[in-house]
Protein backbone atom coordinates (compact mmCIF):
# COMPACT_ATOMS: atom_id res chain seq x y z
CA UNK A 1 90.06 18.81 105.89
CA UNK A 2 90.94 16.10 103.65
CA UNK A 3 88.23 15.92 101.74
CA UNK A 4 88.35 19.84 101.21
CA UNK A 5 91.96 19.59 99.48
CA UNK A 6 90.69 16.66 97.06
CA UNK A 7 87.51 18.63 96.15
CA UNK A 8 90.21 21.55 95.02
CA UNK A 9 92.50 19.27 93.47
CA UNK A 10 89.51 18.17 91.24
CA UNK A 11 88.22 22.02 90.65
CA UNK A 12 91.84 22.67 89.38
CA UNK A 13 91.99 19.76 87.51
CA UNK A 14 88.98 20.55 85.42
CA UNK A 15 89.86 23.81 84.80
CA UNK A 16 92.91 23.46 83.21
CA UNK A 17 92.81 20.14 81.73
CA UNK A 18 91.56 21.66 78.10
CA UNK A 19 95.07 23.77 78.38
CA UNK A 20 97.48 21.51 79.02
CA UNK A 21 98.34 18.03 77.45
CA UNK A 22 100.11 14.78 78.67
CA UNK A 23 102.45 14.96 75.84
CA UNK A 24 104.36 18.04 77.42
CA UNK A 25 104.94 16.96 80.95
CA UNK A 26 107.70 15.11 82.24
CA UNK A 27 107.18 10.92 82.48
CA UNK A 28 107.16 10.97 86.39
CA UNK A 29 104.35 13.64 86.77
CA UNK A 30 101.65 12.77 88.93
CA UNK A 31 97.75 13.09 88.46
CA UNK A 32 97.90 16.75 89.39
CA UNK A 33 100.46 17.58 87.26
CA UNK A 34 99.78 15.30 84.31
CA UNK A 35 96.41 17.24 84.35
CA UNK A 36 96.79 20.96 84.77
CA UNK A 37 100.93 21.06 83.86
CA UNK A 38 101.36 23.45 86.72
CA UNK A 39 104.24 22.33 89.65
CA UNK A 40 103.47 25.37 91.84
CA UNK A 41 100.23 27.33 92.27
CA UNK A 42 99.83 31.00 90.83
CA UNK A 43 100.79 32.37 94.21
CA UNK A 44 104.04 31.58 93.54
CA UNK A 45 104.67 33.20 90.41
CA UNK A 46 107.08 36.46 90.47
CA UNK A 47 104.26 39.34 90.10
CA UNK A 48 102.40 37.58 93.33
CA UNK A 49 105.37 37.32 95.55
CA UNK A 50 105.98 40.43 97.83
CA UNK A 51 108.12 43.53 97.52
CA UNK A 52 110.99 44.47 99.53
CA UNK A 53 108.82 47.94 100.13
CA UNK A 54 106.02 45.61 101.51
CA UNK A 55 108.33 44.95 104.53
CA UNK A 56 108.81 48.26 105.51
CA UNK A 57 106.46 48.60 108.74
CA UNK A 58 104.14 51.46 109.03
CA UNK A 59 102.42 50.74 112.12
CA UNK A 60 104.06 51.40 115.44
CA UNK A 61 103.71 47.88 116.99
CA UNK A 62 106.42 46.39 114.47
CA UNK A 63 108.56 49.43 115.50
CA UNK A 64 108.29 48.64 119.47
CA UNK A 65 108.93 44.53 118.82
CA UNK A 66 112.21 45.21 116.69
CA UNK A 67 113.38 48.17 119.21
CA UNK A 68 112.50 45.99 122.34
CA UNK A 69 114.18 42.81 120.99
CA UNK A 70 117.26 45.03 120.28
CA UNK A 71 117.23 46.50 123.57
CA UNK A 72 116.72 42.86 125.41
CA UNK A 73 119.85 41.33 123.44
CA UNK A 74 122.08 44.34 124.39
CA UNK A 75 120.95 43.89 127.83
CA UNK A 76 121.61 40.29 127.54
CA UNK A 77 125.11 40.45 126.28
CA UNK A 78 126.24 42.82 129.18
CA UNK A 79 124.56 40.87 131.93
CA UNK A 80 126.52 37.60 130.52
CA UNK A 81 129.57 39.69 130.31
CA UNK A 82 129.20 41.09 134.02
CA UNK A 83 128.52 37.34 135.08
CA UNK A 84 131.22 36.21 133.16
CA UNK A 85 133.57 35.44 136.32
CA UNK A 86 130.70 33.22 138.09
CA UNK A 87 130.18 31.42 134.93
CA UNK A 88 134.34 30.32 134.69
CA UNK A 89 133.44 28.05 137.84
CA UNK A 90 131.33 25.78 135.86
CA UNK A 91 132.34 26.20 132.14
CA UNK A 92 136.17 26.32 130.87
CA UNK A 93 137.58 29.64 130.14
CA UNK A 94 137.99 28.67 126.57
CA UNK A 95 134.36 28.23 125.82
CA UNK A 96 133.31 31.82 127.20
CA UNK A 97 135.57 33.52 124.65
CA UNK A 98 132.61 34.69 122.15
CA UNK A 99 130.84 36.00 125.55
CA UNK A 100 133.45 38.24 126.94
CA UNK A 101 132.71 41.65 125.48
CA UNK A 102 136.53 42.63 125.54
CA UNK A 103 137.76 40.17 123.41
CA UNK A 104 138.26 40.38 119.61
CA UNK A 105 135.79 38.70 118.32
CA UNK A 106 132.58 37.99 120.30
CA UNK A 107 128.98 38.13 120.02
CA UNK A 108 128.56 41.92 120.75
CA UNK A 109 130.95 42.49 117.45
CA UNK A 110 128.74 40.54 115.78
CA UNK A 111 125.49 41.53 116.49
CA UNK A 112 126.76 45.18 115.67
CA UNK A 113 127.85 44.02 112.53
CA UNK A 114 124.56 42.51 111.74
CA UNK A 115 122.70 45.76 112.68
CA UNK A 116 124.81 47.50 110.25
CA UNK A 117 124.42 45.33 107.52
CA UNK A 118 120.46 45.34 107.84
CA UNK A 119 120.97 49.43 108.01
CA UNK A 120 122.76 49.05 104.48
CA UNK A 121 120.08 46.88 103.04
CA UNK A 122 117.30 49.30 104.48
CA UNK A 123 119.23 52.45 102.98
CA UNK A 124 119.52 50.91 99.66
CA UNK A 125 115.54 50.44 99.79
CA UNK A 126 115.27 53.94 100.65
CA UNK A 127 117.40 55.32 97.89
CA UNK A 128 115.65 53.20 95.49
CA UNK A 129 112.10 54.83 96.44
CA UNK A 130 113.41 58.19 97.30
CA UNK A 131 115.16 59.04 94.02
CA UNK A 132 112.11 59.22 91.88
CA UNK A 133 111.04 62.31 93.77
CA UNK A 134 109.76 64.96 91.37
CA UNK A 135 110.95 67.88 93.27
CA UNK A 136 114.37 66.95 94.69
CA UNK A 137 116.20 69.20 92.59
CA UNK A 138 119.55 69.48 94.53
CA UNK A 139 119.62 65.67 94.66
CA UNK A 140 119.59 64.76 98.64
CA UNK A 141 118.63 61.36 98.01
CA UNK A 142 121.98 60.65 97.47
CA UNK A 143 123.10 60.73 100.85
CA UNK A 144 121.29 57.09 101.44
CA UNK A 145 123.93 55.53 99.13
CA UNK A 146 126.33 56.99 101.00
CA UNK A 147 124.86 55.85 104.30
CA UNK A 148 124.77 52.31 102.80
CA UNK A 149 128.54 52.70 102.03
CA UNK A 150 129.36 53.84 105.12
CA UNK A 151 127.39 51.09 107.08
CA UNK A 152 129.30 48.17 104.70
CA UNK A 153 132.39 49.82 105.98
CA UNK A 154 131.51 50.03 109.59
CA UNK A 155 130.42 46.33 109.56
CA UNK A 156 133.50 45.03 108.04
CA UNK A 157 135.57 46.75 110.43
CA UNK A 158 134.10 45.48 113.28
CA UNK A 159 134.28 41.89 111.60
CA UNK A 160 137.65 42.46 110.64
CA UNK A 161 139.52 45.39 112.84
CA UNK A 162 140.87 46.92 109.23
CA UNK A 163 140.83 50.50 111.37
CA UNK A 164 144.39 49.57 112.50
CA UNK A 165 145.33 49.19 108.76
CA UNK A 166 143.72 52.42 108.10
CA UNK A 167 145.50 53.95 110.98
CA UNK A 168 148.84 52.85 109.80
CA UNK A 169 148.10 54.22 106.08
CA UNK A 170 147.29 57.47 107.33
CA UNK A 171 150.24 58.06 109.96
CA UNK A 172 152.33 59.47 107.17
CA UNK A 173 149.93 61.92 106.87
CA UNK A 174 149.69 63.17 110.16
CA UNK A 175 153.26 63.16 110.93
CA UNK A 176 153.78 65.18 108.05
CA UNK A 177 150.88 67.62 109.72
CA UNK A 178 152.75 67.77 112.75
CA UNK A 179 150.44 65.73 114.71
CA UNK A 180 150.08 62.29 116.18
CA UNK A 181 149.94 59.65 114.12
CA UNK A 182 146.81 58.62 115.44
CA UNK A 183 144.92 61.93 114.57
CA UNK A 184 145.09 61.01 110.94
CA UNK A 185 142.69 58.19 111.44
CA UNK A 186 140.31 60.11 113.68
CA UNK A 187 140.40 63.34 111.54
CA UNK A 188 139.48 61.27 108.24
CA UNK A 189 136.35 59.46 110.31
CA UNK A 190 135.09 63.12 111.78
CA UNK A 191 135.37 64.46 108.60
CA UNK A 192 133.03 61.79 107.04
CA UNK A 193 130.70 61.74 109.86
CA UNK A 194 130.36 65.32 110.10
CA UNK A 195 129.34 65.32 106.06
CA UNK A 196 126.79 62.34 106.82
CA UNK A 197 125.27 64.24 109.59
CA UNK A 198 124.88 67.54 108.03
CA UNK A 199 123.30 65.63 104.85
CA UNK A 200 121.08 63.42 107.04
CA UNK A 201 119.89 66.84 108.84
CA UNK A 202 118.53 67.97 105.61
CA UNK A 203 117.37 64.77 104.47
CA UNK A 204 114.96 64.19 107.69
CA UNK A 205 113.89 67.07 108.50
CA UNK A 206 110.41 66.64 107.60
CA UNK A 207 110.35 63.37 109.63
CA UNK A 208 111.12 64.73 113.26
CA UNK A 209 111.16 61.35 114.69
CA UNK A 210 113.57 60.11 112.24
CA UNK A 211 115.61 63.06 113.04
CA UNK A 212 115.65 62.68 116.90
CA UNK A 213 116.34 58.92 116.37
CA UNK A 214 119.55 59.53 114.19
CA UNK A 215 120.75 62.41 116.60
CA UNK A 216 120.29 59.99 119.71
CA UNK A 217 122.74 57.45 117.62
CA UNK A 218 125.29 60.06 116.87
CA UNK A 219 125.28 60.76 120.58
CA UNK A 220 125.65 57.12 121.37
CA UNK A 221 128.52 56.80 119.14
CA UNK A 222 130.44 59.97 120.09
CA UNK A 223 130.40 59.04 123.87
CA UNK A 224 132.39 56.46 123.84
CA UNK A 225 135.39 58.78 123.03
CA UNK A 226 134.90 60.19 126.63
CA UNK A 227 136.33 57.18 128.22
CA UNK A 228 139.79 57.48 126.10
CA UNK A 229 140.14 61.00 127.15
CA UNK A 230 140.19 59.86 130.94
CA UNK A 231 136.96 62.41 131.60
CA UNK A 232 134.75 59.72 132.71
CA UNK A 233 136.53 56.83 134.99
CA UNK A 234 135.21 53.59 136.25
CA UNK A 235 136.49 51.83 138.99
CA UNK A 236 136.58 48.04 137.53
CA UNK A 237 137.75 47.70 133.66
CA UNK A 238 134.63 45.55 133.00
CA UNK A 239 132.31 48.60 133.71
CA UNK A 240 134.39 50.42 131.19
CA UNK A 241 133.81 47.42 128.53
CA UNK A 242 130.40 47.36 129.24
CA UNK A 243 129.77 51.36 129.07
CA UNK A 244 131.63 51.47 125.55
CA UNK A 245 130.22 48.23 124.08
CA UNK A 246 126.56 48.84 125.30
CA UNK A 247 126.75 52.45 123.61
CA UNK A 248 128.09 51.01 120.54
CA UNK A 249 125.19 48.57 120.39
CA UNK A 250 122.81 51.32 121.19
CA UNK A 251 124.19 53.65 118.50
CA UNK A 252 123.76 51.02 115.63
CA UNK A 253 120.17 49.81 117.19
CA UNK A 254 119.24 53.44 117.01
CA UNK A 255 120.64 54.23 113.40
CA UNK A 256 118.80 50.95 111.97
CA UNK A 257 115.54 52.55 113.67
CA UNK A 258 115.99 55.69 112.61
CA UNK A 259 116.24 54.46 108.79
CA UNK A 260 113.08 52.27 109.21
CA UNK A 261 111.37 55.20 110.38
CA UNK A 262 112.60 57.25 107.39
CA UNK A 263 111.65 54.29 105.35
CA UNK A 264 107.91 54.52 106.86
CA UNK A 265 108.05 58.39 106.38
CA UNK A 266 108.92 57.71 102.51
CA UNK A 267 106.24 55.26 101.81
CA UNK A 268 103.43 57.00 103.19
CA UNK A 269 104.82 60.12 101.48
CA UNK A 270 104.53 58.32 98.40
CA UNK A 271 100.72 56.84 99.16
CA UNK A 272 99.78 60.53 99.67
CA UNK A 273 98.89 59.43 103.69
CA UNK A 274 101.07 62.30 105.13
CA UNK A 275 99.23 65.45 106.37
CA UNK A 276 99.69 68.24 104.15
CA UNK A 277 102.30 71.11 105.28
CA UNK A 278 101.35 74.28 105.50
CA UNK A 279 102.89 76.60 103.34
CA UNK A 280 103.59 80.04 104.63
CA UNK A 281 102.16 83.04 102.72
CA UNK A 282 104.59 85.33 101.38
CA UNK A 283 104.44 89.15 103.07
CA UNK A 284 103.05 91.82 100.95
CA UNK A 285 105.78 94.16 99.40
CA UNK A 286 106.11 97.85 100.50
CA UNK A 287 105.17 99.84 97.43
CA UNK A 288 106.03 103.55 97.50
CA UNK A 289 103.14 105.68 97.61
CA UNK A 290 102.32 107.64 94.83
CA UNK A 291 101.00 111.49 94.67
CA UNK A 292 98.10 112.55 96.46
CA UNK A 293 95.94 113.10 93.54
CA UNK A 294 96.84 109.55 92.11
CA UNK A 295 95.81 107.99 95.83
CA UNK A 296 92.19 110.11 95.47
CA UNK A 297 89.69 107.59 93.30
CA UNK A 298 87.39 109.38 90.97
CA UNK A 299 85.37 112.61 91.90
CA UNK A 300 87.76 113.13 94.82
CA UNK A 301 90.74 113.18 92.72
CA UNK A 302 88.93 115.69 90.43
CA UNK A 303 87.74 117.88 92.92
CA UNK A 304 91.06 118.03 94.76
CA UNK A 305 93.06 118.59 91.19
CA UNK A 306 90.32 121.47 90.30
CA UNK A 307 90.79 122.95 93.99
CA UNK A 308 94.70 123.14 93.55
CA UNK A 309 93.89 125.16 89.92
CA UNK A 310 91.68 127.52 91.42
CA UNK A 311 94.29 128.21 94.30
CA UNK A 312 97.16 128.61 91.75
CA UNK A 313 94.91 131.01 89.61
CA UNK A 314 94.16 133.14 92.70
CA UNK A 315 97.76 133.91 93.74
CA UNK A 316 98.95 134.53 90.15
CA UNK A 317 98.48 138.49 89.43
CA UNK A 318 96.47 139.15 86.12
CA UNK A 319 98.52 140.77 83.37
CA UNK A 320 97.85 144.53 82.76
CA UNK A 321 97.81 144.81 78.85
CA UNK A 322 98.92 147.74 77.11
CA UNK A 323 101.02 149.38 80.26
CA UNK A 324 104.60 149.50 79.67
CA UNK A 325 107.20 148.68 82.64
CA UNK A 326 110.57 149.31 82.74
CA UNK A 327 111.21 145.58 82.75
CA UNK A 328 109.76 145.26 79.07
CA UNK A 329 112.25 145.48 76.15
CA UNK A 330 109.32 146.05 73.93
CA UNK A 331 106.42 148.04 74.15
CA UNK A 332 103.25 145.82 74.70
CA UNK A 333 100.84 145.68 72.32
CA UNK A 334 97.24 147.37 72.54
CA UNK A 335 94.23 145.32 73.57
CA UNK A 336 92.36 143.97 70.46
CA UNK A 337 88.96 145.96 69.75
CA UNK A 338 86.06 143.58 70.05
CA UNK A 339 84.55 142.44 66.79
CA UNK A 340 81.59 144.42 65.31
CA UNK A 341 77.99 143.00 65.77
CA UNK A 342 75.83 143.66 62.79
CA UNK A 343 72.72 145.57 63.54
CA UNK A 344 70.20 145.38 60.78
CA UNK A 345 69.08 149.10 59.38
CA UNK A 346 65.23 148.10 60.03
CA UNK A 347 63.53 145.62 61.49
CA UNK A 348 63.15 142.17 60.24
CA UNK A 349 59.86 141.07 60.23
CA UNK A 350 58.82 137.34 61.29
CA UNK A 351 58.77 135.13 58.55
CA UNK A 352 56.36 131.80 58.72
CA UNK A 353 58.15 128.25 58.84
CA UNK A 354 56.58 127.56 55.23
CA UNK A 355 58.11 130.83 53.98
CA UNK A 356 61.80 129.99 55.39
CA UNK A 357 61.87 126.63 53.87
CA UNK A 358 60.85 128.02 50.58
CA UNK A 359 63.95 130.34 50.79
CA UNK A 360 66.06 127.53 51.82
CA UNK A 361 65.28 125.96 48.59
CA UNK A 362 66.02 128.99 46.74
CA UNK A 363 68.90 128.36 43.98
CA UNK A 364 69.63 131.91 42.86
CA UNK A 365 71.62 132.74 45.75
CA UNK A 366 74.90 130.90 46.58
CA UNK A 367 75.30 130.27 50.02
CA UNK A 368 78.38 128.03 50.01
CA UNK A 369 80.59 130.20 51.51
CA UNK A 370 78.70 131.68 54.24
CA UNK A 371 77.50 130.20 57.86
CA UNK A 372 74.15 129.10 58.19
CA UNK A 373 73.02 132.20 60.24
CA UNK A 374 74.17 134.90 57.31
CA UNK A 375 72.45 132.40 54.38
CA UNK A 376 68.93 132.81 56.55
CA UNK A 377 69.47 136.32 57.01
CA UNK A 378 70.02 137.14 53.13
CA UNK A 379 67.50 134.87 52.16
CA UNK A 380 65.12 136.44 54.41
CA UNK A 381 66.46 140.01 52.73
CA UNK A 382 65.92 138.78 49.56
CA UNK A 383 62.27 137.49 50.20
CA UNK A 384 61.61 141.08 51.92
CA UNK A 385 62.70 142.87 48.68
CA UNK A 386 60.65 140.78 46.26
CA UNK A 387 57.60 141.49 48.09
CA UNK A 388 58.37 145.29 48.17
CA UNK A 389 58.63 144.94 44.66
């Protein structure tokens, strides 16, 4: 292995010796730095470092490891709190304060604050990628910015107990509304939680796993309120503390897991690895039926129209011409006499085609105002008259 590293150093020195000079290097530089002018390998440069999105898990195994590790830590904290009286016989009570879940500052609050801060960072990561989606016309990606702010606020509250200050600040508003003082704080928390829940449902409806995880997280955060309303009672105070803290830690862990699942969904959507959604075809609109003759195409429509006209003409009585009735104000005019037909006085002999052509070329007759048949007849009579003469 040592020979291999020496060989790599020599190769690197030979490749970069032409691009670096000894005058540009510090006085205490080693032999490798003097030869190539580099203190770090190219892999240490900014463009070769992993990005934040590269840390988003895309397989099921990382999710199982993270969620399993969180559950183990939660179970360990609850078990230590349950066995705390046994530990007091061997360890002084002052040293067991961080393990007591009923204390104001303990390992459970630190772990929950750490989960919320991790969720804030992941929400900002999702926001930085999700805002580049081209078909998000409603701007639903902004919910992740609100999620990051809410996660930071909850983390600060768990670490410092700032909720007591907010209760005092909102107490006058609650008294002005005629309700108890603590309802002002819980009303504000409920409004914010309802807004975040509705926006998260709209945002994560395409990722069912993330949506179900967020629903479980909301249930975990809402169940501890049952203990305060005396709906669910415990025999020992330690059991109530374990129930409340355990659900609180589980809610923080589920919130982080849901954000990771949606981040995975977004990254797969960016890479085009998600299955295509089936688009619902629009139902054809019902159109008014046209008339019967318009529905029949081509020959059938023509036949139907002719039959209809024949039926109307058969039903309509024919008018009697020249007969006056009492309903007529004026006498009807007599029918027009038919035009007389021309009958020649003598039979017209047949003319050969050659003679007929000669007559057509005869310029002596003015044939411009006659029909073609009359012109031919007059030409035949003129020819017969010339022959008889």
